[in-house]
Amino acid sequence: MEVMAKLLSESDTSNKRLEFPTESLWAFSLPAGQNSVEFDAFDMLGQPWRLKISVRNEGKYPKPWISGQWGIYVLQKRLRQGDRVTLTMHDQENGANNYRIIAERKHFGFWYSIDQ
């Protein structure tokens, strides 16, 4: 199930954090009293990326973002503004969630996986 799909901004690729859509927070259970949770997302090659989703401690809006190994992911995949990142969640038989992260680049009107 798709958690989010986002066209990357300049800030997403240069600030070591990805601005995360508030409407996609449903996919993560933030422990009571905490403003962040870590999770592993596997790319198309099966490599795990340790990511962390955080929200503001104060303020009217949570303004979530993803950090952790996001900056390393951006560098390794050579992501740039305009590329698309999709995060999906899959339920496992044991009740845990499995996350996948897919990076794509548009070329001549078609989206292609950056991992291939």
Foldseek 3Di string as FASTA:
>chain_A
DWLDKDQDAQCLQPVQKAFDDPVSCVVDDDPPPAFKDWDWAAEPVRDTFIKMWGFDPDDDDRRIMIHRCSNVVCVVLVDHGGKMKIKDWDADPVRDIYIYIFIWDDDPRDTDTSVD
